[in-house]
Amino acid sequence: MNWERNSGILIGTIFNSRIYNLMIKKKKILHSQFKFNLIPFLFFVILVGCNRKIPEYTETDSQAILNPDYSSITIPPNIAPLNFRIMDKADLYLARFYNNEGTEFMVRSKNGEIKIPDKKWKELLKISGSGEYSIDIFARNSGEFTKYQTITNKISQEPIDKYLVYRLIEPGFETWNKMGIYQRNLENFRQTPVMLNSLSGGNCMNCHTFARNSGKDIMFHMRGENAGTIIFKDGVYSKVNTKTDSTISAGVYSSWHPSGDFIAYSVNNIVQSFPAMPGRKIEVYDTLSDVVVYDIRKNLIVTTDQLSRPDILETFPSWGPDGHSLYYCSAVKQSMGNYDKIRYDLMRIPFDPDNCSFGQPESIIKVSDKGKSISFPRVSPDNKYLLFCLADYGNFTLWHPESDIYMLDLSTGEEIKPEINSNRTESFHEWSSNGRWVVFSSRRDDGLYTRPYFTYFDTAGKMHKPFILPQKDPEFYVDFMKSFNVPELITSQVGLNPRKLEKFGKKNQTIKAGL
């Protein structure tokens, strides 16, 4: 079979191009000749100079194996090129990208790596009014080409937030050398540091969070010699000690209130153990934990008896988008070492931001009596859905291979298991600002390294096939030896300057306890 590029579109382009002016100026043809013989001449130019053919091939019923698997997915219109490697053996590969609007281009490769030109990729996504594009893969063996089944991917009209923020750390978490919090521009491959521990004495830094998916407000913890909570709000740096005489610890897991005036924290006594159990390398659990709220304006920590009961473990606070509800996870306290009996239910407590007060908590999902445990509650921006992780026990699900992501319809109470899970760990997750995209952490590739995956969440409440964060090098994830921890989507670049933060000082601001 032969395929020829449609040349009709080019006639109008060449007619108005420099070719016409050049021919007239050099008097290569008379005006009268040009008038009657231009079209045949242009056809000759097109066929000789612009024609591109696919060689003879045979077609197979199978689909080419791509790594990463960028097939049958839905992508945002502002994502970086989805570069991939064709895993099938061959001595030459051709990948033809095209859409129904006439945009098309070819990528040729000898080693199977398909690196898509940025400009052509953007044109492909921009002009795809049909909402999809296709890929034809051709592989040559012993001089003969095979064409695999066409791959078709959909293009959503809803963009994803421009930046993804994450911490890069060794997968074991118990030891590290270099650590940093980074931001990646999802529209290209540019990654820049938010903070590096090489600037802060080689310490640990974690638990970054944002207000309203905005890079203008960021909070994260510094550990070790430079311990303290960094808050960058409205262009102003502050460093506070969130530990008070009335709390268990400094703030740990956090959630920034939609107003930007409050941050909810869990305060925890965390134990890390290394059980001799198949599939369990590390176990992290709490022996004590409460939930508190930091009033940034008043520099005041507040809570209620309902969030700090001595016989109950409260953790993982997460604000609803209206700012009047605080979700959290709650479990009955167990004796030391009985971590596999700690099971969390999902709770919600009313919150009045005008006077920083709480109402009575209510149970949203009870799973502890079914031998299950909930963690990481996250409510969609439209307040219609809530995502959470479900595991057999505990709340640090990163090391639980059975951990899956579930969704609660807040209007009907229906619990849904979306088709985005694998047979390995799915853990931290977060919504985009428009609620149409979800990023989540997964160890589906090798069971060891945590990597960020994206899924499109359509208006019917369905999640589409996930795809991994694209990289310039298709082999990136084969060699990269760090995990992507706590991926957060934000709409604007983080304005915090690591060098300025380094010079910010080691002294913490003291917080008052209004308990």
Protein backbone atom coordinates (compact mmCIF):
# COMPACT_ATOMS: atom_id res chain seq x y z
CA MET A 1 0.00 0.00 0.00
CA ASN A 2 1.08 3.58 -0.65
CA TRP A 3 0.00 6.70 1.13
CA GLU A 4 0.47 10.12 -0.46
CA ARG A 5 0.20 13.43 1.27
CA ASN A 6 -2.75 15.45 0.06
CA SER A 7 -1.25 18.31 -1.89
CA GLY A 8 -4.39 20.31 -2.62
CA ILE A 9 -4.03 22.36 0.55
CA LEU A 10 -0.56 23.47 -0.52
CA ILE A 11 -1.62 25.04 -3.84
CA GLY A 12 -3.09 28.16 -2.25
CA THR A 13 -0.07 28.43 0.03
CA ILE A 14 2.45 28.26 -2.81
CA PHE A 15 0.34 30.60 -4.96
CA ASN A 16 0.83 33.33 -2.37
CA SER A 17 4.40 32.42 -1.48
CA ARG A 18 7.81 33.70 -2.46
CA ILE A 19 7.90 31.18 -5.34
CA TYR A 20 5.47 33.32 -7.33
CA ASN A 21 7.41 36.53 -6.66
CA LEU A 22 10.70 34.85 -7.46
CA MET A 23 9.45 33.52 -10.79
CA ILE A 24 8.09 36.92 -11.82
CA LYS A 25 11.22 38.84 -10.82
CA LYS A 26 13.57 36.50 -12.68
CA LYS A 27 11.23 36.35 -15.68
CA LYS A 28 11.39 32.59 -15.75
CA ILE A 29 7.99 32.55 -17.36
CA LEU A 30 5.97 35.14 -19.24
CA HIS A 31 2.89 36.62 -17.65
CA SER A 32 0.71 35.05 -20.33
CA GLN A 33 2.29 31.67 -19.78
CA PHE A 34 1.87 32.01 -16.05
CA LYS A 35 -1.80 32.81 -16.47
CA PHE A 36 -2.57 29.58 -18.29
CA ASN A 37 0.09 27.16 -17.08
CA LEU A 38 0.54 27.94 -13.37
CA ILE A 39 -1.55 25.10 -11.92
CA PRO A 40 0.15 22.27 -13.83
CA PHE A 41 3.53 23.78 -12.95
CA LEU A 42 2.64 24.02 -9.26
CA PHE A 43 1.41 20.45 -9.26
CA PHE A 44 4.81 19.45 -10.62
CA VAL A 45 6.56 21.39 -7.82
CA ILE A 46 4.33 19.80 -5.18
CA LEU A 47 4.74 16.24 -6.42
CA VAL A 48 8.50 16.50 -6.82
CA GLY A 49 9.40 18.54 -3.74
CA CYS A 50 6.68 17.87 -1.16
CA ASN A 51 5.36 14.38 -1.73
CA ARG A 52 6.03 11.86 1.03
CA LYS A 53 5.20 8.19 0.74
CA ILE A 54 4.84 5.31 3.14
CA PRO A 55 6.54 2.26 1.65
CA GLU A 56 4.74 -0.97 0.90
CA TYR A 57 3.64 -2.70 4.11
CA THR A 58 1.60 -5.51 5.54
CA GLU A 59 -0.88 -4.85 8.32
CA THR A 60 -1.09 -6.74 11.59
CA ASP A 61 -4.03 -7.07 13.98
CA SER A 62 -1.84 -6.27 16.99
CA GLN A 63 -1.01 -2.88 18.47
CA ALA A 64 2.56 -1.68 18.93
CA ILE A 65 3.84 -1.87 22.51
CA LEU A 66 4.68 1.65 23.71
CA ASN A 67 6.63 2.65 26.81
CA PRO A 68 5.21 4.72 28.39
CA ASP A 69 1.80 3.48 27.32
CA TYR A 70 0.33 6.53 25.59
CA SER A 71 -2.47 4.73 23.79
CA SER A 72 -6.27 5.09 24.06
CA ILE A 73 -5.93 7.94 26.54
CA THR A 74 -7.51 11.36 26.98
CA ILE A 75 -5.04 14.22 27.30
CA PRO A 76 -5.27 17.96 27.99
CA PRO A 77 -4.75 20.44 25.14
CA ASN A 78 -1.74 22.00 26.93
CA ILE A 79 0.42 18.98 27.76
CA ALA A 80 4.06 18.53 26.72
CA PRO A 81 4.84 16.07 23.90
CA LEU A 82 4.12 12.46 24.87
CA ASN A 83 7.44 10.97 23.81
CA PHE A 84 7.63 7.18 23.88
CA ARG A 85 9.66 4.16 22.86
CA ILE A 86 8.36 1.42 20.55
CA MET A 87 9.27 -1.83 22.29
CA ASP A 88 8.74 -4.17 19.32
CA LYS A 89 12.03 -5.25 17.68
CA ALA A 90 12.84 -3.68 14.30
CA ASP A 91 15.68 -1.97 12.43
CA LEU A 92 13.65 1.12 11.47
CA TYR A 93 10.52 2.76 12.88
CA LEU A 94 8.12 5.34 11.48
CA ALA A 95 5.44 7.08 13.55
CA ARG A 96 2.85 9.09 11.64
CA PHE A 97 0.82 11.59 13.70
CA TYR A 98 -2.32 13.10 12.16
CA ASN A 99 -5.83 14.39 12.79
CA ASN A 100 -9.00 14.88 10.76
CA GLU A 101 -8.20 18.54 10.11
CA GLY A 102 -5.24 17.78 7.83
CA THR A 103 -2.41 18.26 10.29
CA GLU A 104 0.15 15.49 10.09
CA PHE A 105 3.85 14.77 10.46
CA MET A 106 6.22 11.82 10.57
CA VAL A 107 8.89 10.88 13.13
CA ARG A 108 11.60 8.46 12.01
CA SER A 109 13.69 6.43 14.47
CA LYS A 110 16.32 3.72 14.28
CA ASN A 111 16.19 2.74 17.96
CA GLY A 112 12.43 3.00 18.57
CA GLU A 113 12.58 6.30 20.49
CA ILE A 114 9.89 8.66 19.20
CA LYS A 115 10.70 12.23 20.21
CA ILE A 116 7.99 14.54 18.95
CA PRO A 117 8.96 18.04 17.74
CA ASP A 118 7.44 20.56 20.11
CA LYS A 119 6.09 22.94 17.45
CA LYS A 120 4.42 20.17 15.45
CA TRP A 121 2.95 18.67 18.63
CA LYS A 122 1.36 21.97 19.62
CA GLU A 123 -0.09 22.39 16.15
CA LEU A 124 -1.53 18.88 16.31
CA LEU A 125 -3.32 19.54 19.60
CA LYS A 126 -4.41 23.06 18.70
CA ILE A 127 -6.01 22.20 15.36
CA SER A 128 -7.66 18.96 16.49
CA GLY A 129 -11.18 20.33 16.47
CA SER A 130 -12.49 16.79 16.23
CA GLY A 131 -11.11 16.19 19.69
CA GLU A 132 -8.70 13.42 18.79
CA TYR A 133 -5.51 12.54 16.97
CA SER A 134 -4.13 9.26 15.63
CA ILE A 135 -0.76 7.51 15.42
CA ASP A 136 0.24 4.95 12.81
CA ILE A 137 3.29 2.90 13.77
CA PHE A 138 5.40 1.21 11.06
CA ALA A 139 8.30 -1.13 11.84
CA ARG A 140 10.79 -2.55 9.35
CA ASN A 141 12.33 -6.00 9.66
CA SER A 142 14.42 -7.67 6.93
CA GLY A 143 13.50 -4.90 4.51
CA GLU A 144 9.74 -5.27 4.94
CA PHE A 145 7.45 -2.89 6.84
CA THR A 146 4.64 -3.88 9.18
CA LYS A 147 1.89 -1.44 10.12
CA TYR A 148 0.35 -1.88 13.56
CA GLN A 149 -3.22 -1.02 14.47
CA THR A 150 -3.87 2.71 14.55
CA ILE A 151 -3.72 4.37 17.98
CA THR A 152 -6.33 7.06 18.63
CA ASN A 153 -6.12 9.43 21.60
CA LYS A 154 -8.71 11.99 22.63
CA ILE A 155 -7.98 15.63 23.37
CA SER A 156 -10.04 17.31 26.06
CA GLN A 157 -11.07 20.93 25.68
CA GLU A 158 -10.41 21.51 29.39
CA PRO A 159 -6.75 22.37 30.14
CA ILE A 160 -4.78 20.98 33.04
CA ASP A 161 -3.18 23.35 35.57
CA LYS A 162 0.13 24.53 34.16
CA TYR A 163 2.44 23.34 36.95
CA LEU A 164 2.98 20.18 38.97
CA VAL A 165 4.84 20.39 42.30
CA TYR A 166 6.42 17.34 43.94
CA ARG A 167 9.21 16.24 46.22
CA LEU A 168 11.95 14.01 44.81
CA ILE A 169 13.26 11.50 47.34
CA GLU A 170 14.70 8.00 47.47
CA PRO A 171 11.86 5.43 47.50
CA GLY A 172 12.65 4.09 50.97
CA PHE A 173 11.98 7.47 52.69
CA GLU A 174 13.97 6.40 55.77
CA THR A 175 17.28 7.64 54.31
CA TRP A 176 18.22 10.27 51.74
CA ASN A 177 21.10 12.34 50.52
CA LYS A 178 19.84 15.06 48.20
CA MET A 179 16.22 16.09 48.50
CA GLY A 180 14.21 18.87 46.95
CA ILE A 181 10.75 20.19 46.20
CA TYR A 182 10.40 20.94 42.49
CA GLN A 183 7.91 22.48 40.08
CA ARG A 184 7.48 21.16 36.55
CA ASN A 185 5.87 23.12 33.73
CA LEU A 186 3.44 20.59 32.23
CA GLU A 187 3.37 22.43 28.91
CA ASN A 188 7.05 21.65 28.35
CA PHE A 189 9.84 19.76 30.12
CA ARG A 190 11.19 22.57 32.30
CA GLN A 191 11.73 21.62 35.97
CA THR A 192 12.91 24.19 38.52
CA PRO A 193 13.51 23.88 42.28
CA VAL A 194 11.19 25.37 44.86
CA MET A 195 13.60 24.44 47.66
CA LEU A 196 16.70 22.24 47.87
CA ASN A 197 18.03 20.72 51.07
CA SER A 198 21.56 21.56 49.86
CA LEU A 199 20.63 25.13 50.84
CA SER A 200 19.40 24.16 54.31
CA GLY A 201 22.00 21.86 55.81
CA GLY A 202 20.92 18.62 54.13
CA ASN A 203 17.70 18.45 56.16
CA CYS A 204 14.34 16.85 55.35
CA MET A 205 11.55 18.99 53.88
CA ASN A 206 8.03 17.78 53.22
CA CYS A 207 4.26 18.24 53.19
CA HIS A 208 4.00 21.13 50.72
CA THR A 209 0.48 22.43 50.22
CA PHE A 210 -1.24 25.31 48.42
CA ALA A 211 -4.32 27.49 48.71
CA ARG A 212 -6.79 27.16 45.83
CA ASN A 213 -4.25 25.51 43.46
CA SER A 214 -2.31 28.78 43.41
CA GLY A 215 1.48 29.03 43.37
CA LYS A 216 1.20 32.38 45.13
CA ASP A 217 0.58 30.68 48.50
CA ILE A 218 2.74 27.73 49.57
CA MET A 219 3.51 26.04 52.87
CA PHE A 220 5.99 23.28 53.67
CA HIS A 221 7.88 21.93 56.67
CA MET A 222 11.60 22.06 57.34
CA ARG A 223 13.06 19.42 59.65
CA GLY A 224 16.34 18.97 61.49
CA GLU A 225 18.57 21.91 62.40
CA ASN A 226 16.40 24.35 60.43
CA ALA A 227 13.12 22.96 61.75
CA GLY A 228 10.05 25.11 61.22
CA THR A 229 7.08 25.65 58.94
CA ILE A 230 7.71 27.90 55.94
CA ILE A 231 4.70 29.96 54.84
CA PHE A 232 4.97 32.06 51.69
CA LYS A 233 1.80 34.12 51.31
CA ASP A 234 1.19 37.24 49.24
CA GLY A 235 4.91 37.55 48.54
CA VAL A 236 5.82 37.52 52.24
CA TYR A 237 8.02 34.87 53.90
CA SER A 238 7.39 33.63 57.42
CA LYS A 239 8.77 30.74 59.41
CA VAL A 240 6.77 29.53 62.38
CA ASN A 241 7.04 26.87 65.04
CA THR A 242 3.62 25.17 64.99
CA LYS A 243 4.38 23.24 68.20
CA THR A 244 2.74 24.68 71.31
CA ASP A 245 2.68 23.57 74.93
CA SER A 246 -0.82 22.17 74.35
CA THR A 247 -0.20 20.11 71.19
CA ILE A 248 1.38 16.71 70.58
CA SER A 249 3.84 17.96 67.99
CA ALA A 250 4.44 20.57 65.37
CA GLY A 251 2.07 20.44 62.39
CA VAL A 252 2.41 17.40 60.13
CA TYR A 253 -0.21 16.71 57.42
CA SER A 254 -1.78 19.93 56.26
CA SER A 255 -4.57 21.52 54.22
CA TRP A 256 -4.84 25.22 53.32
CA HIS A 257 -8.27 26.80 53.74
CA PRO A 258 -9.82 28.22 50.51
CA SER A 259 -9.79 31.72 52.02
CA GLY A 260 -6.05 31.52 52.54
CA ASP A 261 -6.49 32.57 56.20
CA PHE A 262 -6.27 29.16 57.89
CA ILE A 263 -4.21 25.99 57.65
CA ALA A 264 -5.48 22.76 59.17
CA TYR A 265 -2.82 20.42 60.57
CA SER A 266 -2.65 17.04 62.13
CA VAL A 267 -0.29 16.84 65.10
CA ASN A 268 1.08 13.32 65.45
CA ASN A 269 3.33 11.02 67.40
CA ILE A 270 4.60 8.97 64.45
CA VAL A 271 6.29 5.56 64.74
CA GLN A 272 8.22 3.91 61.92
CA SER A 273 8.90 0.18 62.01
CA PHE A 274 10.28 -2.46 59.66
CA PRO A 275 8.10 -5.58 59.94
CA ALA A 276 9.25 -8.96 58.66
CA MET A 277 6.17 -9.43 56.50
CA PRO A 278 5.91 -10.22 52.76
CA GLY A 279 5.32 -7.02 50.82
CA ARG A 280 5.77 -4.83 53.91
CA LYS A 281 9.15 -3.08 53.98
CA ILE A 282 8.16 -0.12 56.15
CA GLU A 283 5.18 0.54 58.38
CA VAL A 284 4.36 4.07 59.51
CA TYR A 285 1.61 4.64 62.06
CA ASP A 286 0.46 6.97 64.83
CA THR A 287 0.26 6.32 68.54
CA LEU A 288 -1.27 9.77 69.14
CA SER A 289 -2.79 12.31 66.76
CA ASP A 290 -5.14 15.29 66.82
CA VAL A 291 -6.32 17.92 64.32
CA VAL A 292 -5.77 21.65 64.88
CA VAL A 293 -6.31 24.82 62.82
CA TYR A 294 -3.77 27.63 62.52
CA ASP A 295 -5.27 31.12 62.16
CA ILE A 296 -2.62 32.90 60.10
CA ARG A 297 -4.05 36.38 60.70
CA LYS A 298 -4.05 36.04 64.48
CA ASN A 299 -1.03 33.71 64.70
CA LEU A 300 -3.18 31.38 66.77
CA ILE A 301 -3.66 27.60 66.99
CA VAL A 302 -7.23 26.46 67.78
CA THR A 303 -9.02 23.12 68.03
CA THR A 304 -12.01 21.50 69.72
CA ASP A 305 -12.46 18.55 72.03
CA GLN A 306 -14.08 16.70 69.12
CA LEU A 307 -10.80 16.82 67.19
CA SER A 308 -8.48 15.96 70.09
CA ARG A 309 -9.99 13.03 71.95
CA PRO A 310 -7.40 10.96 73.86
CA ASP A 311 -8.85 7.59 72.79
CA ILE A 312 -9.21 8.53 69.10
CA LEU A 313 -6.64 9.16 66.37
CA GLU A 314 -7.58 12.09 64.13
CA THR A 315 -5.47 12.85 61.06
CA PHE A 316 -5.32 13.92 57.38
CA PRO A 317 -7.45 17.09 57.56
CA SER A 318 -8.80 18.35 54.22
CA TRP A 319 -11.02 21.39 53.63
CA GLY A 320 -14.13 21.32 51.49
CA PRO A 321 -14.10 23.93 48.68
CA ASP A 322 -16.65 26.17 50.44
CA GLY A 323 -14.41 26.44 53.51
CA HIS A 324 -17.25 25.51 55.87
CA SER A 325 -16.46 21.80 56.20
CA LEU A 326 -13.31 20.06 57.36
CA TYR A 327 -12.92 16.39 56.43
CA TYR A 328 -10.55 14.14 58.36
CA CYS A 329 -9.82 10.49 59.15
CA SER A 330 -10.61 9.00 62.55
CA ALA A 331 -9.61 5.69 64.17
CA VAL A 332 -9.83 4.08 67.59
CA LYS A 333 -6.45 4.19 69.30
CA GLN A 334 -4.67 0.82 69.60
CA SER A 335 -1.95 -0.43 71.91
CA MET A 336 1.67 -0.04 70.82
CA GLY A 337 2.60 -2.40 68.02
CA ASN A 338 -0.97 -3.24 66.92
CA TYR A 339 -0.64 -1.11 63.81
CA ASP A 340 -2.50 -3.68 61.68
CA LYS A 341 -5.62 -3.11 63.80
CA ILE A 342 -5.74 0.67 63.26
CA ARG A 343 -8.55 1.41 60.80
CA TYR A 344 -9.75 4.89 59.90
CA ASP A 345 -13.24 6.11 59.01
CA LEU A 346 -14.07 9.32 57.16
CA MET A 347 -15.47 12.18 59.24
CA ARG A 348 -16.60 15.76 58.61
CA ILE A 349 -16.92 18.67 61.02
CA PRO A 350 -18.54 22.09 60.34
CA PHE A 351 -16.27 25.13 60.52
CA ASP A 352 -17.19 28.81 60.85
CA PRO A 353 -14.35 30.92 59.39
CA ASP A 354 -15.81 34.15 60.79
CA ASN A 355 -15.09 33.19 64.39
CA CYS A 356 -12.84 30.16 63.82
CA SER A 357 -15.21 27.75 65.59
CA PHE A 358 -16.39 24.18 65.03
CA GLY A 359 -19.70 22.32 65.08
CA GLN A 360 -20.42 18.67 65.80
CA PRO A 361 -18.63 16.02 63.72
CA GLU A 362 -20.52 13.47 61.62
CA SER A 363 -19.55 10.15 60.09
CA ILE A 364 -19.37 10.20 56.27
CA ILE A 365 -18.03 6.71 55.48
CA LYS A 366 -17.56 3.96 58.06
CA VAL A 367 -15.29 1.13 56.89
CA SER A 368 -13.47 0.11 60.07
CA ASP A 369 -16.15 -2.49 60.83
CA LYS A 370 -15.51 -4.01 57.38
CA GLY A 371 -11.78 -4.47 57.93
CA LYS A 372 -10.80 -1.43 55.81
CA SER A 373 -9.20 1.96 56.39
CA ILE A 374 -9.51 5.38 54.69
CA SER A 375 -6.85 8.01 54.06
CA PHE A 376 -6.20 11.15 51.94
CA PRO A 377 -9.73 12.61 51.56
CA ARG A 378 -9.89 15.22 48.78
CA VAL A 379 -13.07 17.05 47.67
CA SER A 380 -13.57 18.19 44.06
CA PRO A 381 -13.70 21.97 43.42
CA ASP A 382 -17.44 21.78 42.66
CA ASN A 383 -18.09 20.03 46.00
CA LYS A 384 -19.75 17.04 44.27
CA TYR A 385 -17.19 14.27 44.68
CA LEU A 386 -14.63 13.13 47.23
CA LEU A 387 -11.59 10.97 46.47
CA PHE A 388 -9.94 8.80 49.10
CA CYS A 389 -7.59 5.84 49.45
CA LEU A 390 -8.87 2.53 50.80
CA ALA A 391 -6.49 -0.02 52.32
CA ASP A 392 -6.67 -2.91 54.76
CA TYR A 393 -5.44 -0.86 57.71
CA GLY A 394 -3.47 2.23 58.74
CA ASN A 395 -3.17 5.58 56.99
CA PHE A 396 0.30 5.63 55.44
CA THR A 397 -0.82 3.72 52.37
CA LEU A 398 2.33 4.33 50.33
CA TRP A 399 3.63 0.91 51.37
CA HIS A 400 0.31 -0.89 51.04
CA PRO A 401 0.07 -2.66 47.66
CA GLU A 402 -3.66 -3.20 48.20
CA SER A 403 -4.30 0.56 48.47
CA ASP A 404 -6.71 1.80 45.79
CA ILE A 405 -8.38 5.12 45.01
CA TYR A 406 -12.15 5.33 45.54
CA MET A 407 -14.66 8.09 44.93
CA LEU A 408 -17.70 9.18 46.93
CA ASP A 409 -20.63 10.93 45.27
CA LEU A 410 -21.46 13.49 47.97
CA SER A 411 -25.01 14.01 46.73
CA THR A 412 -26.03 10.33 46.57
CA GLY A 413 -23.60 8.70 49.00
CA GLU A 414 -22.57 6.18 46.32
CA GLU A 415 -19.04 4.79 46.65
CA ILE A 416 -17.32 4.14 43.31
CA LYS A 417 -14.08 2.36 42.47
CA PRO A 418 -12.89 4.07 39.25
CA GLU A 419 -11.04 2.07 36.60
CA ILE A 420 -7.72 3.81 37.22
CA ASN A 421 -6.32 1.42 39.83
CA SER A 422 -3.65 -1.24 39.34
CA ASN A 423 -2.59 -4.31 41.31
CA ARG A 424 0.01 -2.13 43.07
CA THR A 425 -0.09 0.90 45.34
CA GLU A 426 -2.16 3.97 44.47
CA SER A 427 -1.77 6.68 47.08
CA PHE A 428 -1.68 10.50 47.24
CA HIS A 429 -4.01 12.30 44.82
CA GLU A 430 -5.23 15.83 44.11
CA TRP A 431 -7.75 17.63 41.86
CA SER A 432 -6.96 20.28 39.28
CA SER A 433 -8.45 23.73 39.79
CA ASN A 434 -11.22 23.08 37.22
CA GLY A 435 -12.00 19.61 38.57
CA ARG A 436 -11.48 17.92 35.19
CA TRP A 437 -8.09 16.37 35.99
CA VAL A 438 -6.72 14.29 38.83
CA VAL A 439 -3.06 13.58 39.54
CA PHE A 440 -2.25 10.58 41.70
CA SER A 441 0.77 8.64 42.93
CA SER A 442 1.22 5.08 41.72
CA ARG A 443 3.76 2.28 42.03
CA ARG A 444 2.20 0.30 39.20
CA ASP A 445 5.36 0.27 37.10
CA ASP A 446 7.71 -1.68 39.35
CA GLY A 447 6.22 -1.72 42.85
CA LEU A 448 9.06 0.41 44.20
CA TYR A 449 9.14 3.91 42.68
CA THR A 450 6.22 6.29 43.08
CA ARG A 451 5.38 8.18 39.90
CA PRO A 452 2.70 10.75 39.01
CA TYR A 453 -0.17 9.70 36.75
CA PHE A 454 -2.97 11.85 35.34
CA THR A 455 -6.56 10.93 34.59
CA TYR A 456 -9.30 12.91 32.89
CA PHE A 457 -12.51 13.22 34.92
CA ASP A 458 -15.40 13.92 32.56
CA THR A 459 -18.71 15.67 33.26
CA ALA A 460 -20.48 12.31 33.58
CA GLY A 461 -18.32 11.46 36.59
CA LYS A 462 -16.09 8.94 34.80
CA MET A 463 -12.30 8.73 35.03
CA HIS A 464 -10.39 7.86 31.86
CA LYS A 465 -7.31 5.69 31.34
CA PRO A 466 -4.36 7.23 33.25
CA PHE A 467 -1.07 8.31 31.68
CA ILE A 468 2.28 9.04 33.29
CA LEU A 469 3.94 12.48 33.48
CA PRO A 470 5.65 12.90 30.07
CA GLN A 471 9.42 13.32 29.90
CA LYS A 472 11.70 14.53 27.11
CA ASP A 473 13.66 11.26 27.21
CA PRO A 474 11.36 8.25 26.63
CA GLU A 475 13.78 6.16 28.75
CA PHE A 476 13.67 8.59 31.69
CA TYR A 477 11.79 6.34 34.11
CA VAL A 478 14.09 3.39 33.39
CA ASP A 479 17.11 5.16 34.89
CA PHE A 480 15.66 7.73 37.32
CA MET A 481 16.28 6.57 40.90
CA LYS A 482 13.95 8.82 42.91
CA SER A 483 10.25 8.79 43.77
CA PHE A 484 7.83 11.63 43.01
CA ASN A 485 6.22 12.41 46.37
CA VAL A 486 3.01 14.43 47.00
CA PRO A 487 2.17 15.68 43.48
CA GLU A 488 0.13 18.90 43.58
CA LEU A 489 -1.38 20.75 40.60
CA ILE A 490 -1.13 24.55 40.61
CA THR A 491 -2.16 27.20 38.09
CA SER A 492 0.82 29.54 38.47
CA GLN A 493 4.52 29.24 39.10
CA VAL A 494 5.70 29.27 42.72
CA GLY A 495 7.20 32.68 43.36
CA LEU A 496 9.34 31.57 46.29
CA ASN A 497 13.08 31.99 45.69
CA PRO A 498 15.24 29.23 47.25
CA ARG A 499 18.23 31.55 47.63
CA LYS A 500 16.20 34.18 49.44
CA LEU A 501 14.74 31.48 51.66
CA GLU A 502 18.27 30.30 52.51
CA LYS A 503 19.04 33.76 53.86
CA PHE A 504 15.68 34.13 55.56
CA GLY A 505 17.04 33.12 58.94
CA LYS A 506 16.82 30.23 61.35
CA LYS A 507 14.64 31.82 64.00
CA ASN A 508 11.02 30.68 64.20
CA GLN A 509 8.03 32.81 65.00
CA THR A 510 6.17 31.50 68.04
CA ILE A 511 2.49 30.63 67.71
CA LYS A 512 -0.05 31.26 70.46
CA ALA A 513 -2.28 28.41 71.59
CA GLY A 514 -5.95 29.27 71.75
CA LEU A 515 -6.95 25.78 72.90
